[in-house]
């Protein structure tokens, strides 16, 4: 399997958590979220719009995000995404699960087969 395909599997698994974590800091619009993910990760976590927007729509449909539409210029409307209280709780749950799994994976990777 190609390295970029493997990255795609890992990325999909944590993309929702990363988006929610960014929105804990405050409202953001889609392009701003995508840029922040790339910038903060040093270019290691780039989420294309075709992947980001379905995540945002799903989170909104499930009540984890609210939206605010703001007129920018004469005709353009920008949609800002805001984390709801339910979204904060969901983010906390995902983070706990992620940290637990990460710890488990690290233990497996460090295991040397001496405990049998």
C-alpha atoms as a PDB file:
ATOM      1  CA  UNK A   1       0.000   0.000   0.000  1.00  0.00           C
ATOM      2  CA  UNK A   2       1.260   3.457  -0.893  1.00  0.00           C
ATOM      3  CA  UNK A   3       2.291   5.765   2.002  1.00  0.00           C
ATOM      4  CA  UNK A   4      -0.241   8.419   0.944  1.00  0.00           C
ATOM      5  CA  UNK A   5      -3.036   5.810   1.097  1.00  0.00           C
ATOM      6  CA  UNK A   6      -1.981   4.830   4.612  1.00  0.00           C
ATOM      7  CA  UNK A   7      -1.918   8.494   5.646  1.00  0.00           C
ATOM      8  CA  UNK A   8      -5.426   8.845   4.270  1.00  0.00           C
ATOM      9  CA  UNK A   9      -6.711   6.055   6.565  1.00  0.00           C
ATOM     10  CA  UNK A  10      -5.076   7.603   9.635  1.00  0.00           C
ATOM     11  CA  UNK A  11      -6.228  11.095   8.681  1.00  0.00           C
ATOM     12  CA  UNK A  12      -9.852  10.067   8.268  1.00  0.00           C
ATOM     13  CA  UNK A  13      -9.785   8.532  11.714  1.00  0.00           C
ATOM     14  CA  UNK A  14      -8.716  11.739  13.452  1.00  0.00           C
ATOM     15  CA  UNK A  15     -10.072  14.454  11.147  1.00  0.00           C
ATOM     16  CA  UNK A  16     -13.263  14.975  13.140  1.00  0.00           C
ATOM     17  CA  UNK A  17     -11.312  15.296  16.382  1.00  0.00           C
ATOM     18  CA  UNK A  18      -8.905  17.811  14.820  1.00  0.00           C
ATOM     19  CA  UNK A  19     -11.723  19.942  13.404  1.00  0.00           C
ATOM     20  CA  UNK A  20     -13.604  19.964  16.714  1.00  0.00           C
ATOM     21  CA  UNK A  21     -10.415  20.805  18.593  1.00  0.00           C
ATOM     22  CA  UNK A  22      -9.800  23.837  16.380  1.00  0.00           C
ATOM     23  CA  UNK A  23     -13.353  25.035  16.856  1.00  0.00           C
ATOM     24  CA  UNK A  24     -12.915  24.893  20.655  1.00  0.00           C
ATOM     25  CA  UNK A  25     -10.798  28.028  20.201  1.00  0.00           C
ATOM     26  CA  UNK A  26     -13.605  29.902  18.464  1.00  0.00           C
ATOM     27  CA  UNK A  27     -15.683  30.154  15.319  1.00  0.00           C
ATOM     28  CA  UNK A  28     -14.012  29.587  11.969  1.00  0.00           C
ATOM     29  CA  UNK A  29     -15.081  29.264   8.346  1.00  0.00           C
ATOM     30  CA  UNK A  30     -14.231  26.244   6.212  1.00  0.00           C
ATOM     31  CA  UNK A  31     -11.218  27.587   4.354  1.00  0.00           C
ATOM     32  CA  UNK A  32      -9.844  28.965   7.615  1.00  0.00           C
ATOM     33  CA  UNK A  33     -10.161  25.511   9.231  1.00  0.00           C
ATOM     34  CA  UNK A  34      -8.346  23.859   6.330  1.00  0.00           C
ATOM     35  CA  UNK A  35      -5.539  26.438   6.478  1.00  0.00           C
ATOM     36  CA  UNK A  36      -5.182  26.115  10.258  1.00  0.00           C
ATOM     37  CA  UNK A  37      -4.929  22.324  10.051  1.00  0.00           C
ATOM     38  CA  UNK A  38      -2.118  22.598   7.522  1.00  0.00           C
ATOM     39  CA  UNK A  39      -0.320  25.443   9.284  1.00  0.00           C
ATOM     40  CA  UNK A  40      -0.447  24.025  12.801  1.00  0.00           C
ATOM     41  CA  UNK A  41       0.644  20.571  11.634  1.00  0.00           C
ATOM     42  CA  UNK A  42       3.530  21.964   9.606  1.00  0.00           C
ATOM     43  CA  UNK A  43       1.890  20.710   6.414  1.00  0.00           C
ATOM     44  CA  UNK A  44       1.555  17.136   7.696  1.00  0.00           C
ATOM     45  CA  UNK A  45      -2.220  17.248   8.042  1.00  0.00           C
ATOM     46  CA  UNK A  46      -3.793  18.717   4.922  1.00  0.00           C
ATOM     47  CA  UNK A  47      -7.525  18.192   4.601  1.00  0.00           C
ATOM     48  CA  UNK A  48      -8.958  18.823   1.124  1.00  0.00           C
ATOM     49  CA  UNK A  49     -12.279  20.664   0.917  1.00  0.00           C
ATOM     50  CA  UNK A  50     -13.922  17.521  -0.477  1.00  0.00           C
ATOM     51  CA  UNK A  51     -13.141  15.825   2.820  1.00  0.00           C
ATOM     52  CA  UNK A  52     -13.576  18.780   5.184  1.00  0.00           C
ATOM     53  CA  UNK A  53     -17.042  19.962   4.193  1.00  0.00           C
ATOM     54  CA  UNK A  54     -18.770  16.572   4.563  1.00  0.00           C
ATOM     55  CA  UNK A  55     -17.292  16.399   8.083  1.00  0.00           C
ATOM     56  CA  UNK A  56     -18.620  19.887   8.885  1.00  0.00           C
ATOM     57  CA  UNK A  57     -22.068  19.077   7.456  1.00  0.00           C
ATOM     58  CA  UNK A  58     -22.265  15.811   9.426  1.00  0.00           C
ATOM     59  CA  UNK A  59     -21.221  17.548  12.651  1.00  0.00           C
ATOM     60  CA  UNK A  60     -23.841  20.241  12.061  1.00  0.00           C
ATOM     61  CA  UNK A  61     -26.549  17.676  11.278  1.00  0.00           C
ATOM     62  CA  UNK A  62     -25.748  15.877  14.551  1.00  0.00           C
ATOM     63  CA  UNK A  63     -26.033  19.072  16.601  1.00  0.00           C
ATOM     64  CA  UNK A  64     -22.319  19.420  17.369  1.00  0.00           C
ATOM     65  CA  UNK A  65     -21.945  22.637  15.354  1.00  0.00           C
ATOM     66  CA  UNK A  66     -24.013  25.729  14.713  1.00  0.00           C
ATOM     67  CA  UNK A  67     -23.470  28.025  11.748  1.00  0.00           C
ATOM     68  CA  UNK A  68     -23.469  31.768  11.332  1.00  0.00           C
ATOM     69  CA  UNK A  69     -23.672  33.362   7.903  1.00  0.00           C
ATOM     70  CA  UNK A  70     -21.842  36.658   7.436  1.00  0.00           C
ATOM     71  CA  UNK A  71     -21.992  38.889   4.372  1.00  0.00           C
ATOM     72  CA  UNK A  72     -18.455  39.555   3.125  1.00  0.00           C
ATOM     73  CA  UNK A  73     -18.253  42.222   0.480  1.00  0.00           C
ATOM     74  CA  UNK A  74     -21.331  42.956  -1.613  1.00  0.00           C
ATOM     75  CA  UNK A  75     -22.429  39.419  -2.483  1.00  0.00           C
ATOM     76  CA  UNK A  76     -20.304  36.772  -0.845  1.00  0.00           C
ATOM     77  CA  UNK A  77     -21.588  35.045   2.273  1.00  0.00           C
ATOM     78  CA  UNK A  78     -19.122  33.275   4.540  1.00  0.00           C
ATOM     79  CA  UNK A  79     -20.357  30.451   6.782  1.00  0.00           C
ATOM     80  CA  UNK A  80     -18.749  30.337  10.208  1.00  0.00           C
ATOM     81  CA  UNK A  81     -18.890  27.139  12.245  1.00  0.00           C
ATOM     82  CA  UNK A  82     -19.333  27.320  16.024  1.00  0.00           C
ATOM     83  CA  UNK A  83     -19.022  24.482  18.506  1.00  0.00           C
ATOM     84  CA  UNK A  84     -22.172  23.799  20.536  1.00  0.00           C
ATOM     85  CA  UNK A  85     -22.078  22.547  24.126  1.00  0.00           C
ATOM     86  CA  UNK A  86     -22.983  19.126  22.781  1.00  0.00           C
ATOM     87  CA  UNK A  87     -20.054  19.464  20.370  1.00  0.00           C
ATOM     88  CA  UNK A  88     -17.686  20.259  23.248  1.00  0.00           C
ATOM     89  CA  UNK A  89     -18.810  17.130  25.060  1.00  0.00           C
ATOM     90  CA  UNK A  90     -18.401  15.057  21.893  1.00  0.00           C
ATOM     91  CA  UNK A  91     -14.907  16.498  21.384  1.00  0.00           C
ATOM     92  CA  UNK A  92     -13.987  15.549  24.966  1.00  0.00           C
ATOM     93  CA  UNK A  93     -15.225  11.985  24.405  1.00  0.00           C
ATOM     94  CA  UNK A  94     -13.329  11.645  21.123  1.00  0.00           C
ATOM     95  CA  UNK A  95     -10.180  13.011  22.745  1.00  0.00           C
ATOM     96  CA  UNK A  96     -10.394  10.520  25.621  1.00  0.00           C
ATOM     97  CA  UNK A  97     -10.881   7.657  23.151  1.00  0.00           C
ATOM     98  CA  UNK A  98      -8.018   8.882  20.976  1.00  0.00           C
ATOM     99  CA  UNK A  99      -5.617   9.170  23.916  1.00  0.00           C
ATOM    100  CA  UNK A 100      -6.550   5.713  25.185  1.00  0.00           C
ATOM    101  CA  UNK A 101      -6.053   4.137  21.763  1.00  0.00           C
ATOM    102  CA  UNK A 102      -2.815   6.050  21.232  1.00  0.00           C
ATOM    103  CA  UNK A 103      -1.494   4.744  24.556  1.00  0.00           C
ATOM    104  CA  UNK A 104      -2.501   1.195  23.631  1.00  0.00           C
ATOM    105  CA  UNK A 105      -0.840   1.403  20.223  1.00  0.00           C
ATOM    106  CA  UNK A 106       2.324   2.818  21.790  1.00  0.00           C
ATOM    107  CA  UNK A 107       2.432  -0.075  24.275  1.00  0.00           C
ATOM    108  CA  UNK A 108       2.048  -2.561  21.439  1.00  0.00           C
ATOM    109  CA  UNK A 109       4.787  -0.898  19.376  1.00  0.00           C
ATOM    110  CA  UNK A 110       7.159  -0.869  22.346  1.00  0.00           C
ATOM    111  CA  UNK A 111       6.407  -4.469  23.323  1.00  0.00           C
ATOM    112  CA  UNK A 112       9.448  -6.711  22.899  1.00  0.00           C
ATOM    113  CA  UNK A 113       7.817 -10.111  23.401  1.00  0.00           C
ATOM    114  CA  UNK A 114       9.394 -10.693  26.799  1.00  0.00           C
ATOM    115  CA  UNK A 115       6.149 -10.975  28.762  1.00  0.00           C
ATOM    116  CA  UNK A 116       5.006 -14.464  27.784  1.00  0.00           C
END
